[in-house]
Amino acid sequence: MMAPAKTLFDSLPLLVVMAQACWSVCVEVASEDRAVMDSNTTLTCISCMRREEVKSETYVKWFYNADNNDSSLIFVYDGTPQEQKSHLSGRLQWKGSKDLQEVSLGINNLKLNDTGTYTCEVTRHLNFDAHQHSITTTLKVHLVVTEIAEEDFTAVVSEIMMYILLVFLTVWLLVEMVYCYRKILKADDVAQDTATDYLAIPSENKETPAVPVGE
């Protein structure tokens, strides 16, 4: 009875590795939501799923919605990337990964009227032995395009803290230098006083120690 248990225990690390391999290494990342005119940006869309468990077909649609307007289809992926006719035509770039877990879309040469809400719609057809199951997920990214780069509040705070720390370290270093300098001067004064006292002693007293007086 112990042999099968021992064999199973010895095989446990291998089973763990095999189980981990069945799951996709996929992390959902928030998309950039601010960009500067005439620059490039990427609308990040990641749709995680387990790989190699079932065969699947993936279809992607990107929609653009200006504020208070209807959505318009700007990009389609159905096996091949296809740019749709819109005010973004000629400036879109497919940035999907090979396994189609990432289906991001790049926008080049940004314009002010590119500001709006972008919707990533991912449809997967999962092909099982007996049936096909479809899953559709959506992700919205609200992009704001500005004429000049806006100051990042977090970066400003970090910069201020850095300067405060630099000033503190400088003051601390000056205090340490003054303390060490005064300590050295004090040691020199003590050594000089000792030398002076020694020189003031008569020569005979230096050479011949004093004889104690008996009772």
N, C-alpha and C. Protein backbone atom coordinates (compact mmCIF):
# COMPACT_ATOMS: atom_id res chain seq x y z
N MET A 1 0.82 -1.21 0.00
CA MET A 1 0.00 0.00 0.00
C MET A 1 0.85 1.26 0.00
N MET A 2 2.06 1.15 0.55
CA MET A 2 2.90 2.34 0.64
C MET A 2 3.53 2.70 -0.68
N ALA A 3 3.79 1.69 -1.55
CA ALA A 3 4.48 1.96 -2.81
C ALA A 3 3.68 2.88 -3.73
N PRO A 4 2.38 2.64 -3.97
CA PRO A 4 1.62 3.55 -4.82
C PRO A 4 1.56 4.96 -4.26
N ALA A 5 1.42 5.08 -2.94
CA ALA A 5 1.38 6.41 -2.32
C ALA A 5 2.70 7.14 -2.53
N LYS A 6 3.80 6.40 -2.37
CA LYS A 6 5.12 7.01 -2.55
C LYS A 6 5.31 7.44 -4.01
N THR A 7 4.84 6.60 -4.94
CA THR A 7 4.96 6.95 -6.36
C THR A 7 4.16 8.20 -6.69
N LEU A 8 2.95 8.31 -6.11
CA LEU A 8 2.12 9.49 -6.34
C LEU A 8 2.77 10.73 -5.75
N PHE A 9 3.36 10.57 -4.56
CA PHE A 9 4.02 11.70 -3.91
C PHE A 9 5.22 12.17 -4.73
N ASP A 10 5.99 11.22 -5.28
CA ASP A 10 7.15 11.57 -6.09
C ASP A 10 6.73 12.27 -7.38
N SER A 11 5.54 11.95 -7.88
CA SER A 11 5.07 12.53 -9.14
C SER A 11 4.35 13.86 -8.95
N LEU A 12 4.15 14.28 -7.68
CA LEU A 12 3.39 15.49 -7.41
C LEU A 12 3.99 16.74 -8.04
N PRO A 13 5.31 16.96 -7.95
CA PRO A 13 5.88 18.15 -8.61
C PRO A 13 5.60 18.20 -10.11
N LEU A 14 5.69 17.04 -10.77
CA LEU A 14 5.42 16.98 -12.20
C LEU A 14 3.97 17.33 -12.49
N LEU A 15 3.04 16.84 -11.65
CA LEU A 15 1.62 17.14 -11.84
C LEU A 15 1.35 18.63 -11.66
N VAL A 16 2.03 19.24 -10.72
CA VAL A 16 1.85 20.68 -10.51
C VAL A 16 2.30 21.46 -11.72
N VAL A 17 3.47 21.09 -12.27
CA VAL A 17 3.97 21.78 -13.46
C VAL A 17 3.02 21.61 -14.63
N MET A 18 2.48 20.40 -14.79
CA MET A 18 1.55 20.16 -15.90
C MET A 18 0.27 20.96 -15.71
N ALA A 19 -0.19 21.09 -14.47
CA ALA A 19 -1.40 21.86 -14.21
C ALA A 19 -1.18 23.32 -14.51
N GLN A 20 -0.02 23.87 -14.14
CA GLN A 20 0.29 25.26 -14.42
C GLN A 20 0.38 25.51 -15.91
N ALA A 21 0.87 24.55 -16.66
CA ALA A 21 1.02 24.73 -18.10
C ALA A 21 -0.32 24.82 -18.80
N CYS A 22 -1.37 24.27 -18.17
CA CYS A 22 -2.69 24.32 -18.79
C CYS A 22 -3.33 25.70 -18.69
N TRP A 23 -2.82 26.53 -17.82
CA TRP A 23 -3.40 27.86 -17.62
C TRP A 23 -2.56 28.90 -18.33
N SER A 24 -3.21 29.88 -18.89
CA SER A 24 -2.50 30.91 -19.63
C SER A 24 -1.84 31.89 -18.67
N VAL A 25 -0.67 32.37 -19.06
CA VAL A 25 0.00 33.42 -18.31
C VAL A 25 -0.49 34.73 -18.91
N CYS A 26 -1.50 35.31 -18.30
CA CYS A 26 -2.16 36.47 -18.88
C CYS A 26 -2.53 37.44 -17.76
N VAL A 27 -2.14 38.68 -17.92
CA VAL A 27 -2.43 39.70 -16.92
C VAL A 27 -3.15 40.85 -17.61
N GLU A 28 -4.30 41.23 -17.07
CA GLU A 28 -5.04 42.35 -17.63
C GLU A 28 -4.41 43.66 -17.19
N VAL A 29 -4.14 44.53 -18.17
CA VAL A 29 -3.46 45.79 -17.91
C VAL A 29 -4.35 46.94 -18.34
N ALA A 30 -4.42 47.96 -17.50
CA ALA A 30 -5.24 49.13 -17.84
C ALA A 30 -4.62 49.88 -19.02
N SER A 31 -5.49 50.42 -19.87
CA SER A 31 -5.02 51.13 -21.05
C SER A 31 -4.66 52.57 -20.72
N GLU A 32 -3.81 53.15 -21.53
CA GLU A 32 -3.54 54.58 -21.41
C GLU A 32 -4.82 55.34 -21.76
N ASP A 33 -5.09 56.39 -20.99
CA ASP A 33 -6.32 57.15 -21.24
C ASP A 33 -6.06 58.61 -21.56
N ARG A 34 -4.77 59.01 -21.62
CA ARG A 34 -4.43 60.38 -21.98
C ARG A 34 -3.26 60.37 -22.94
N ALA A 35 -3.31 61.25 -23.92
CA ALA A 35 -2.24 61.32 -24.91
C ALA A 35 -2.16 62.74 -25.46
N VAL A 36 -1.05 63.03 -26.11
CA VAL A 36 -0.81 64.37 -26.65
C VAL A 36 -1.00 64.34 -28.16
N MET A 37 -1.54 65.42 -28.68
CA MET A 37 -1.78 65.53 -30.11
C MET A 37 -0.49 65.30 -30.90
N ASP A 38 -0.62 64.64 -32.04
CA ASP A 38 0.48 64.31 -32.97
C ASP A 38 1.38 63.19 -32.45
N SER A 39 1.05 62.60 -31.30
CA SER A 39 1.83 61.47 -30.80
C SER A 39 1.09 60.17 -31.13
N ASN A 40 1.66 59.06 -30.69
CA ASN A 40 1.03 57.75 -30.90
C ASN A 40 0.61 57.16 -29.55
N THR A 41 -0.41 56.36 -29.56
CA THR A 41 -0.86 55.70 -28.33
C THR A 41 -1.38 54.31 -28.66
N THR A 42 -1.57 53.51 -27.62
CA THR A 42 -2.10 52.16 -27.77
C THR A 42 -3.30 51.99 -26.86
N LEU A 43 -4.42 51.59 -27.43
CA LEU A 43 -5.60 51.25 -26.66
C LEU A 43 -5.47 49.78 -26.27
N THR A 44 -5.16 49.54 -25.01
CA THR A 44 -4.87 48.18 -24.54
C THR A 44 -6.16 47.41 -24.25
N CYS A 45 -6.27 46.24 -24.87
CA CYS A 45 -7.41 45.36 -24.61
C CYS A 45 -6.87 43.94 -24.49
N ILE A 46 -7.02 43.36 -23.29
CA ILE A 46 -6.55 42.00 -23.03
C ILE A 46 -7.71 41.15 -22.56
N SER A 47 -7.97 40.07 -23.26
CA SER A 47 -9.06 39.16 -22.92
C SER A 47 -8.46 37.80 -22.61
N CYS A 48 -8.34 37.51 -21.31
CA CYS A 48 -7.64 36.29 -20.88
C CYS A 48 -8.55 35.07 -20.98
N MET A 49 -7.95 33.96 -21.35
CA MET A 49 -8.65 32.67 -21.35
C MET A 49 -7.61 31.56 -21.30
N ARG A 50 -8.05 30.37 -20.92
CA ARG A 50 -7.13 29.23 -20.89
C ARG A 50 -6.82 28.77 -22.31
N ARG A 51 -5.55 28.49 -22.52
CA ARG A 51 -5.13 28.06 -23.86
C ARG A 51 -4.98 26.54 -23.91
N GLU A 52 -5.07 26.04 -25.13
CA GLU A 52 -4.77 24.64 -25.43
C GLU A 52 -5.75 23.66 -24.76
N GLU A 53 -6.79 24.16 -24.15
CA GLU A 53 -7.78 23.24 -23.58
C GLU A 53 -8.85 22.92 -24.61
N VAL A 54 -9.32 23.96 -25.29
CA VAL A 54 -10.30 23.76 -26.37
C VAL A 54 -9.89 24.63 -27.54
N LYS A 55 -10.28 24.20 -28.70
CA LYS A 55 -10.03 25.01 -29.87
C LYS A 55 -11.04 26.15 -29.91
N SER A 56 -10.59 27.30 -30.35
CA SER A 56 -11.49 28.46 -30.35
C SER A 56 -11.22 29.34 -31.56
N GLU A 57 -12.22 30.11 -31.90
CA GLU A 57 -12.11 31.12 -32.95
C GLU A 57 -12.40 32.47 -32.30
N THR A 58 -11.57 33.45 -32.62
CA THR A 58 -11.68 34.75 -31.98
C THR A 58 -11.98 35.83 -33.02
N TYR A 59 -12.97 36.65 -32.69
CA TYR A 59 -13.34 37.79 -33.54
C TYR A 59 -13.33 39.05 -32.68
N VAL A 60 -12.75 40.11 -33.23
CA VAL A 60 -12.60 41.35 -32.48
C VAL A 60 -13.19 42.51 -33.27
N LYS A 61 -13.90 43.38 -32.54
CA LYS A 61 -14.42 44.61 -33.13
C LYS A 61 -14.05 45.78 -32.23
N TRP A 62 -13.59 46.85 -32.85
CA TRP A 62 -13.31 48.09 -32.13
C TRP A 62 -14.30 49.15 -32.59
N PHE A 63 -14.93 49.81 -31.61
CA PHE A 63 -15.89 50.88 -31.91
C PHE A 63 -15.38 52.20 -31.34
N TYR A 64 -15.76 53.28 -32.02
CA TYR A 64 -15.44 54.62 -31.52
C TYR A 64 -16.73 55.38 -31.28
N ASN A 65 -16.77 56.07 -30.14
CA ASN A 65 -17.96 56.83 -29.78
C ASN A 65 -17.52 58.20 -29.28
N ALA A 66 -17.77 59.23 -30.09
CA ALA A 66 -17.53 60.59 -29.63
C ALA A 66 -18.57 60.94 -28.57
N ASP A 67 -18.29 61.91 -27.76
CA ASP A 67 -19.20 62.25 -26.68
C ASP A 67 -20.59 62.55 -27.22
N ASN A 68 -21.59 61.84 -26.63
CA ASN A 68 -23.00 62.05 -26.97
C ASN A 68 -23.34 61.70 -28.43
N ASN A 69 -22.56 60.84 -29.03
CA ASN A 69 -22.83 60.41 -30.41
C ASN A 69 -22.96 58.90 -30.47
N ASP A 70 -23.43 58.40 -31.61
CA ASP A 70 -23.56 56.95 -31.78
C ASP A 70 -22.19 56.34 -32.04
N SER A 71 -22.06 55.05 -31.67
CA SER A 71 -20.81 54.34 -31.90
C SER A 71 -20.64 54.01 -33.37
N SER A 72 -19.41 54.03 -33.84
CA SER A 72 -19.11 53.67 -35.23
C SER A 72 -18.01 52.61 -35.22
N LEU A 73 -18.13 51.63 -36.10
CA LEU A 73 -17.15 50.55 -36.21
C LEU A 73 -15.90 51.08 -36.91
N ILE A 74 -14.73 50.92 -36.26
CA ILE A 74 -13.49 51.44 -36.84
C ILE A 74 -12.49 50.35 -37.20
N PHE A 75 -12.63 49.14 -36.59
CA PHE A 75 -11.65 48.09 -36.86
C PHE A 75 -12.26 46.73 -36.58
N VAL A 76 -11.88 45.75 -37.42
CA VAL A 76 -12.38 44.38 -37.28
C VAL A 76 -11.22 43.40 -37.43
N TYR A 77 -11.23 42.35 -36.60
CA TYR A 77 -10.31 41.23 -36.79
C TYR A 77 -11.13 39.95 -36.83
N ASP A 78 -11.07 39.26 -37.96
CA ASP A 78 -11.78 37.98 -38.11
C ASP A 78 -10.86 36.93 -38.72
N GLY A 79 -9.62 36.98 -38.31
CA GLY A 79 -8.58 36.13 -38.89
C GLY A 79 -7.52 36.99 -39.54
N THR A 80 -7.94 38.14 -40.04
CA THR A 80 -7.03 39.14 -40.60
C THR A 80 -7.49 40.52 -40.11
N PRO A 81 -6.56 41.42 -39.80
CA PRO A 81 -6.94 42.76 -39.35
C PRO A 81 -7.50 43.59 -40.51
N GLN A 82 -8.62 44.25 -40.26
CA GLN A 82 -9.28 45.05 -41.29
C GLN A 82 -9.68 46.42 -40.73
N GLU A 83 -9.10 47.44 -41.29
CA GLU A 83 -9.45 48.80 -40.88
C GLU A 83 -10.73 49.24 -41.58
N GLN A 84 -11.65 49.82 -40.83
CA GLN A 84 -12.92 50.28 -41.40
C GLN A 84 -12.84 51.77 -41.74
N LYS A 85 -13.71 52.20 -42.59
CA LYS A 85 -13.72 53.59 -43.00
C LYS A 85 -14.21 54.48 -41.86
N SER A 86 -13.37 55.42 -41.46
CA SER A 86 -13.72 56.36 -40.39
C SER A 86 -12.73 57.51 -40.43
N HIS A 87 -12.89 58.46 -39.50
CA HIS A 87 -11.94 59.58 -39.46
C HIS A 87 -10.57 59.12 -38.99
N LEU A 88 -10.47 57.86 -38.52
CA LEU A 88 -9.19 57.29 -38.07
C LEU A 88 -8.51 56.47 -39.16
N SER A 89 -9.12 56.38 -40.33
CA SER A 89 -8.57 55.56 -41.41
C SER A 89 -7.14 55.98 -41.75
N GLY A 90 -6.28 54.98 -41.90
CA GLY A 90 -4.88 55.23 -42.24
C GLY A 90 -3.99 55.47 -41.03
N ARG A 91 -4.60 55.53 -39.85
CA ARG A 91 -3.82 55.80 -38.65
C ARG A 91 -3.95 54.70 -37.59
N LEU A 92 -4.65 53.63 -37.92
CA LEU A 92 -4.84 52.54 -36.98
C LEU A 92 -3.84 51.42 -37.23
N GLN A 93 -3.41 50.76 -36.15
CA GLN A 93 -2.42 49.69 -36.24
C GLN A 93 -2.81 48.54 -35.31
N TRP A 94 -2.98 47.35 -35.88
CA TRP A 94 -3.33 46.17 -35.11
C TRP A 94 -2.14 45.73 -34.26
N LYS A 95 -2.38 45.54 -32.96
CA LYS A 95 -1.31 45.13 -32.04
C LYS A 95 -1.72 43.90 -31.24
N GLY A 96 -2.47 43.02 -31.88
CA GLY A 96 -2.88 41.80 -31.21
C GLY A 96 -1.74 40.80 -31.12
N SER A 97 -1.76 39.98 -30.06
CA SER A 97 -0.74 38.96 -29.88
C SER A 97 -1.08 37.72 -30.71
N LYS A 98 -0.11 36.81 -30.81
CA LYS A 98 -0.30 35.63 -31.63
C LYS A 98 -1.41 34.73 -31.09
N ASP A 99 -1.50 34.64 -29.74
CA ASP A 99 -2.54 33.80 -29.14
C ASP A 99 -3.87 34.53 -28.99
N LEU A 100 -3.92 35.79 -29.42
CA LEU A 100 -5.14 36.60 -29.40
C LEU A 100 -5.70 36.80 -28.00
N GLN A 101 -4.85 36.74 -27.00
CA GLN A 101 -5.28 37.16 -25.67
C GLN A 101 -5.20 38.69 -25.57
N GLU A 102 -4.22 39.26 -26.24
CA GLU A 102 -4.16 40.71 -26.35
C GLU A 102 -4.64 41.10 -27.74
N VAL A 103 -5.61 42.02 -27.78
CA VAL A 103 -6.18 42.45 -29.06
C VAL A 103 -6.18 43.99 -29.10
N SER A 104 -5.04 44.56 -28.72
CA SER A 104 -4.92 46.01 -28.61
C SER A 104 -4.88 46.67 -29.98
N LEU A 105 -5.16 47.97 -29.95
CA LEU A 105 -5.21 48.75 -31.19
C LEU A 105 -4.40 50.03 -31.01
N GLY A 106 -3.50 50.29 -31.94
CA GLY A 106 -2.68 51.49 -31.88
C GLY A 106 -3.27 52.60 -32.75
N ILE A 107 -3.09 53.83 -32.30
CA ILE A 107 -3.52 55.01 -33.07
C ILE A 107 -2.31 55.90 -33.26
N ASN A 108 -1.99 56.21 -34.50
CA ASN A 108 -0.85 57.06 -34.81
C ASN A 108 -1.30 58.48 -35.15
N ASN A 109 -0.39 59.43 -34.92
CA ASN A 109 -0.63 60.82 -35.31
C ASN A 109 -1.98 61.32 -34.77
N LEU A 110 -2.12 61.30 -33.46
CA LEU A 110 -3.38 61.63 -32.81
C LEU A 110 -3.86 63.04 -33.12
N LYS A 111 -5.19 63.17 -33.23
CA LYS A 111 -5.85 64.46 -33.44
C LYS A 111 -6.73 64.76 -32.23
N LEU A 112 -7.06 66.03 -32.07
CA LEU A 112 -7.92 66.41 -30.95
C LEU A 112 -9.28 65.74 -31.03
N ASN A 113 -9.80 65.55 -32.26
CA ASN A 113 -11.13 64.93 -32.39
C ASN A 113 -11.09 63.41 -32.24
N ASP A 114 -9.91 62.86 -31.87
CA ASP A 114 -9.84 61.44 -31.54
C ASP A 114 -10.29 61.19 -30.10
N THR A 115 -10.51 62.25 -29.36
CA THR A 115 -11.02 62.11 -27.99
C THR A 115 -12.38 61.43 -28.02
N GLY A 116 -12.58 60.49 -27.15
CA GLY A 116 -13.86 59.79 -27.10
C GLY A 116 -13.72 58.44 -26.40
N THR A 117 -14.76 57.64 -26.47
CA THR A 117 -14.78 56.32 -25.84
C THR A 117 -14.60 55.24 -26.90
N TYR A 118 -13.63 54.39 -26.68
CA TYR A 118 -13.33 53.28 -27.58
C TYR A 118 -13.75 51.97 -26.90
N THR A 119 -14.48 51.15 -27.63
CA THR A 119 -14.98 49.89 -27.08
C THR A 119 -14.35 48.71 -27.82
N CYS A 120 -13.77 47.84 -27.05
CA CYS A 120 -13.17 46.60 -27.58
C CYS A 120 -14.14 45.46 -27.31
N GLU A 121 -14.62 44.82 -28.37
CA GLU A 121 -15.57 43.71 -28.24
C GLU A 121 -14.91 42.43 -28.76
N VAL A 122 -14.76 41.46 -27.87
CA VAL A 122 -14.08 40.21 -28.20
C VAL A 122 -15.09 39.06 -28.12
N THR A 123 -15.25 38.35 -29.22
CA THR A 123 -16.15 37.19 -29.27
C THR A 123 -15.33 35.94 -29.55
N ARG A 124 -15.49 34.95 -28.68
CA ARG A 124 -14.77 33.68 -28.87
C ARG A 124 -15.79 32.55 -29.04
N HIS A 125 -15.59 31.76 -30.07
CA HIS A 125 -16.39 30.56 -30.29
C HIS A 125 -15.55 29.37 -29.85
N LEU A 126 -15.97 28.74 -28.74
CA LEU A 126 -15.25 27.61 -28.19
C LEU A 126 -15.83 26.32 -28.77
N ASN A 127 -15.00 25.57 -29.44
CA ASN A 127 -15.45 24.37 -30.15
C ASN A 127 -15.20 23.12 -29.30
N PHE A 128 -16.25 22.63 -28.64
CA PHE A 128 -16.18 21.38 -27.89
C PHE A 128 -16.54 20.22 -28.81
N ASP A 129 -16.42 19.02 -28.31
CA ASP A 129 -16.70 17.84 -29.12
C ASP A 129 -18.18 17.80 -29.55
N ALA A 130 -19.08 18.16 -28.62
CA ALA A 130 -20.50 18.01 -28.91
C ALA A 130 -21.18 19.31 -29.32
N HIS A 131 -20.61 20.44 -28.94
CA HIS A 131 -21.29 21.70 -29.25
C HIS A 131 -20.29 22.85 -29.32
N GLN A 132 -20.80 24.01 -29.70
CA GLN A 132 -19.98 25.22 -29.76
C GLN A 132 -20.56 26.24 -28.79
N HIS A 133 -19.69 26.85 -28.01
CA HIS A 133 -20.12 27.83 -27.03
C HIS A 133 -19.47 29.18 -27.35
N SER A 134 -20.25 30.24 -27.31
CA SER A 134 -19.76 31.58 -27.65
C SER A 134 -19.73 32.46 -26.41
N ILE A 135 -18.64 33.23 -26.27
CA ILE A 135 -18.47 34.17 -25.18
C ILE A 135 -18.09 35.53 -25.76
N THR A 136 -18.77 36.58 -25.32
CA THR A 136 -18.46 37.94 -25.78
C THR A 136 -18.13 38.81 -24.57
N THR A 137 -17.01 39.47 -24.63
CA THR A 137 -16.60 40.39 -23.56
C THR A 137 -16.31 41.76 -24.18
N THR A 138 -16.52 42.80 -23.40
CA THR A 138 -16.28 44.16 -23.88
C THR A 138 -15.43 44.92 -22.88
N LEU A 139 -14.67 45.86 -23.40
CA LEU A 139 -13.85 46.75 -22.58
C LEU A 139 -13.91 48.14 -23.16
N LYS A 140 -14.16 49.13 -22.31
CA LYS A 140 -14.25 50.51 -22.77
C LYS A 140 -13.03 51.30 -22.30
N VAL A 141 -12.51 52.12 -23.20
CA VAL A 141 -11.37 53.00 -22.90
C VAL A 141 -11.75 54.42 -23.29
N HIS A 142 -11.76 55.31 -22.32
CA HIS A 142 -12.06 56.72 -22.63
C HIS A 142 -10.74 57.46 -22.81
N LEU A 143 -10.49 57.87 -24.04
CA LEU A 143 -9.23 58.53 -24.38
C LEU A 143 -9.43 60.03 -24.49
N VAL A 144 -8.52 60.78 -23.87
CA VAL A 144 -8.54 62.24 -23.94
C VAL A 144 -7.25 62.70 -24.61
N VAL A 145 -7.39 63.42 -25.72
CA VAL A 145 -6.23 63.94 -26.46
C VAL A 145 -6.11 65.43 -26.17
N THR A 146 -4.93 65.86 -25.73
CA THR A 146 -4.69 67.26 -25.39
C THR A 146 -3.62 67.86 -26.30
N GLU A 147 -3.58 69.18 -26.35
CA GLU A 147 -2.59 69.87 -27.19
C GLU A 147 -1.20 69.78 -26.60
N ILE A 148 -1.10 69.88 -25.29
CA ILE A 148 0.19 69.79 -24.61
C ILE A 148 0.08 68.75 -23.50
N ALA A 149 1.24 68.24 -23.10
CA ALA A 149 1.25 67.21 -22.05
C ALA A 149 0.81 67.81 -20.73
N GLU A 150 -0.08 67.13 -20.05
CA GLU A 150 -0.53 67.58 -18.74
C GLU A 150 0.43 67.07 -17.68
N GLU A 151 0.62 67.91 -16.66
CA GLU A 151 1.54 67.55 -15.59
C GLU A 151 0.90 66.46 -14.74
N ASP A 152 1.66 65.42 -14.52
CA ASP A 152 1.19 64.32 -13.69
C ASP A 152 1.35 64.69 -12.22
N PHE A 153 0.22 64.70 -11.48
CA PHE A 153 0.26 65.11 -10.07
C PHE A 153 1.18 64.21 -9.26
N THR A 154 1.13 62.91 -9.54
CA THR A 154 1.99 61.97 -8.82
C THR A 154 3.45 62.27 -9.08
N ALA A 155 3.78 62.60 -10.34
CA ALA A 155 5.16 62.92 -10.67
C ALA A 155 5.61 64.20 -9.97
N VAL A 156 4.70 65.17 -9.89
CA VAL A 156 5.04 66.44 -9.21
C VAL A 156 5.32 66.19 -7.74
N VAL A 157 4.45 65.40 -7.08
CA VAL A 157 4.65 65.09 -5.67
C VAL A 157 5.96 64.34 -5.46
N SER A 158 6.25 63.39 -6.34
CA SER A 158 7.50 62.63 -6.24
C SER A 158 8.71 63.54 -6.39
N GLU A 159 8.62 64.49 -7.32
CA GLU A 159 9.74 65.41 -7.52
C GLU A 159 9.93 66.31 -6.30
N ILE A 160 8.83 66.79 -5.71
CA ILE A 160 8.93 67.62 -4.52
C ILE A 160 9.56 66.84 -3.36
N MET A 161 9.11 65.60 -3.18
CA MET A 161 9.67 64.77 -2.11
C MET A 161 11.15 64.51 -2.34
N MET A 162 11.53 64.36 -3.60
CA MET A 162 12.94 64.13 -3.91
C MET A 162 13.78 65.34 -3.50
N TYR A 163 13.28 66.56 -3.81
CA TYR A 163 14.01 67.77 -3.44
C TYR A 163 14.07 67.94 -1.93
N ILE A 164 12.96 67.62 -1.23
CA ILE A 164 12.97 67.71 0.22
C ILE A 164 14.00 66.75 0.82
N LEU A 165 14.03 65.54 0.29
CA LEU A 165 15.01 64.56 0.76
C LEU A 165 16.43 65.01 0.49
N LEU A 166 16.63 65.61 -0.69
CA LEU A 166 17.97 66.10 -1.05
C LEU A 166 18.41 67.21 -0.09
N VAL A 167 17.49 68.15 0.23
CA VAL A 167 17.82 69.22 1.17
C VAL A 167 18.13 68.65 2.55
N PHE A 168 17.31 67.68 3.00
CA PHE A 168 17.53 67.06 4.31
C PHE A 168 18.90 66.39 4.36
N LEU A 169 19.24 65.64 3.33
CA LEU A 169 20.54 64.95 3.31
C LEU A 169 21.69 65.95 3.29
N THR A 170 21.52 67.06 2.56
CA THR A 170 22.57 68.08 2.51
C THR A 170 22.79 68.71 3.88
N VAL A 171 21.67 69.06 4.57
CA VAL A 171 21.77 69.64 5.91
C VAL A 171 22.40 68.65 6.88
N TRP A 172 21.96 67.39 6.80
CA TRP A 172 22.52 66.37 7.67
C TRP A 172 24.02 66.20 7.45
N LEU A 173 24.44 66.24 6.20
CA LEU A 173 25.86 66.10 5.88
C LEU A 173 26.66 67.28 6.43
N LEU A 174 26.11 68.49 6.31
CA LEU A 174 26.80 69.67 6.84
C LEU A 174 26.92 69.59 8.35
N VAL A 175 25.84 69.15 9.03
CA VAL A 175 25.89 69.00 10.48
C VAL A 175 26.95 67.99 10.89
N GLU A 176 27.01 66.88 10.17
CA GLU A 176 28.01 65.85 10.47
C GLU A 176 29.42 66.38 10.26
N MET A 177 29.62 67.15 9.20
CA MET A 177 30.94 67.71 8.93
C MET A 177 31.36 68.69 10.03
N VAL A 178 30.42 69.54 10.45
CA VAL A 178 30.73 70.50 11.52
C VAL A 178 31.03 69.77 12.81
N TYR A 179 30.25 68.73 13.12
CA TYR A 179 30.46 67.96 14.34
C TYR A 179 31.84 67.29 14.33
N CYS A 180 32.16 66.67 13.21
CA CYS A 180 33.47 66.00 13.10
C CYS A 180 34.61 67.01 13.19
N TYR A 181 34.43 68.18 12.56
CA TYR A 181 35.48 69.21 12.59
C TYR A 181 35.72 69.71 14.01
N ARG A 182 34.63 69.95 14.75
CA ARG A 182 34.75 70.42 16.12
C ARG A 182 35.37 69.35 17.01
N LYS A 183 35.02 68.08 16.73
CA LYS A 183 35.60 66.99 17.50
C LYS A 183 37.09 66.87 17.27
N ILE A 184 37.50 67.08 16.02
CA ILE A 184 38.93 67.03 15.70
C ILE A 184 39.66 68.19 16.37
N LEU A 185 39.07 69.40 16.32
CA LEU A 185 39.70 70.56 16.96
C LEU A 185 39.84 70.35 18.47
N LYS A 186 38.79 69.76 19.09
CA LYS A 186 38.84 69.51 20.52
C LYS A 186 39.93 68.51 20.85
N ALA A 187 40.06 67.47 20.00
CA ALA A 187 41.12 66.48 20.23
C ALA A 187 42.49 67.12 20.09
N ASP A 188 42.65 68.02 19.10
CA ASP A 188 43.93 68.71 18.93
C ASP A 188 44.24 69.60 20.12
N ASP A 189 43.20 70.28 20.65
CA ASP A 189 43.42 71.16 21.81
C ASP A 189 43.85 70.34 23.02
N VAL A 190 43.21 69.18 23.24
CA VAL A 190 43.59 68.33 24.38
C VAL A 190 45.03 67.85 24.23
N ALA A 191 45.36 67.43 22.99
CA ALA A 191 46.73 66.95 22.75
C ALA A 191 47.74 68.08 22.96
N GLN A 192 47.40 69.28 22.53
CA GLN A 192 48.31 70.42 22.70
C GLN A 192 48.46 70.78 24.17
N ASP A 193 47.35 70.77 24.94
CA ASP A 193 47.43 71.06 26.37
C ASP A 193 48.27 70.02 27.09
N THR A 194 48.12 68.75 26.70
CA THR A 194 48.92 67.69 27.30
C THR A 194 50.40 67.89 27.03
N ALA A 195 50.71 68.26 25.77
CA ALA A 195 52.11 68.49 25.41
C ALA A 195 52.67 69.70 26.16
N THR A 196 51.85 70.73 26.32
CA THR A 196 52.29 71.93 27.03
C THR A 196 52.56 71.62 28.50
N ASP A 197 51.64 70.86 29.13
CA ASP A 197 51.85 70.49 30.53
C ASP A 197 53.10 69.65 30.70
N TYR A 198 53.32 68.77 29.73
CA TYR A 198 54.52 67.92 29.81
C TYR A 198 55.80 68.74 29.69
N LEU A 199 55.82 69.72 28.81
CA LEU A 199 56.99 70.56 28.63
C LEU A 199 57.23 71.46 29.84
N ALA A 200 56.15 71.76 30.56
CA ALA A 200 56.31 72.64 31.73
C ALA A 200 56.92 71.92 32.92
N ILE A 201 56.96 70.60 32.91
CA ILE A 201 57.55 69.83 34.02
C ILE A 201 59.06 69.96 33.96
N PRO A 202 59.74 70.22 35.10
CA PRO A 202 61.22 70.30 35.09
C PRO A 202 61.84 69.02 34.59
N SER A 203 63.04 69.16 34.04
CA SER A 203 63.72 68.01 33.43
C SER A 203 64.01 66.92 34.43
N GLU A 204 64.48 67.30 35.67
CA GLU A 204 64.81 66.27 36.65
C GLU A 204 63.59 65.46 37.07
N ASN A 205 62.43 66.12 37.05
CA ASN A 205 61.22 65.41 37.42
C ASN A 205 60.77 64.45 36.32
N LYS A 206 61.13 64.79 35.06
CA LYS A 206 60.79 63.92 33.95
C LYS A 206 61.59 62.63 33.99
N GLU A 207 62.94 62.77 34.36
CA GLU A 207 63.84 61.62 34.31
C GLU A 207 63.77 60.78 35.56
N THR A 208 63.67 61.49 36.74
CA THR A 208 63.71 60.76 38.02
C THR A 208 62.33 60.82 38.65
N PRO A 209 61.70 59.72 38.80
CA PRO A 209 60.37 59.72 39.41
C PRO A 209 60.48 60.11 40.88
N ALA A 210 59.49 60.67 41.38
CA ALA A 210 59.49 61.13 42.77
C ALA A 210 59.54 59.92 43.70
N VAL A 211 60.43 60.07 44.77
CA VAL A 211 60.59 58.97 45.73
C VAL A 211 59.57 59.16 46.83
N PRO A 212 58.82 58.17 47.11
CA PRO A 212 57.82 58.32 48.18
C PRO A 212 58.48 58.51 49.52
N VAL A 213 57.98 59.35 50.36
CA VAL A 213 58.51 59.62 51.69
C VAL A 213 57.99 58.59 52.67
N GLY A 214 58.93 57.92 53.35
CA GLY A 214 58.51 56.90 54.29
C GLY A 214 58.02 57.50 55.57
N GLU A 215 57.33 56.73 56.32
CA GLU A 215 56.83 57.22 57.61
C GLU A 215 57.94 57.17 58.65
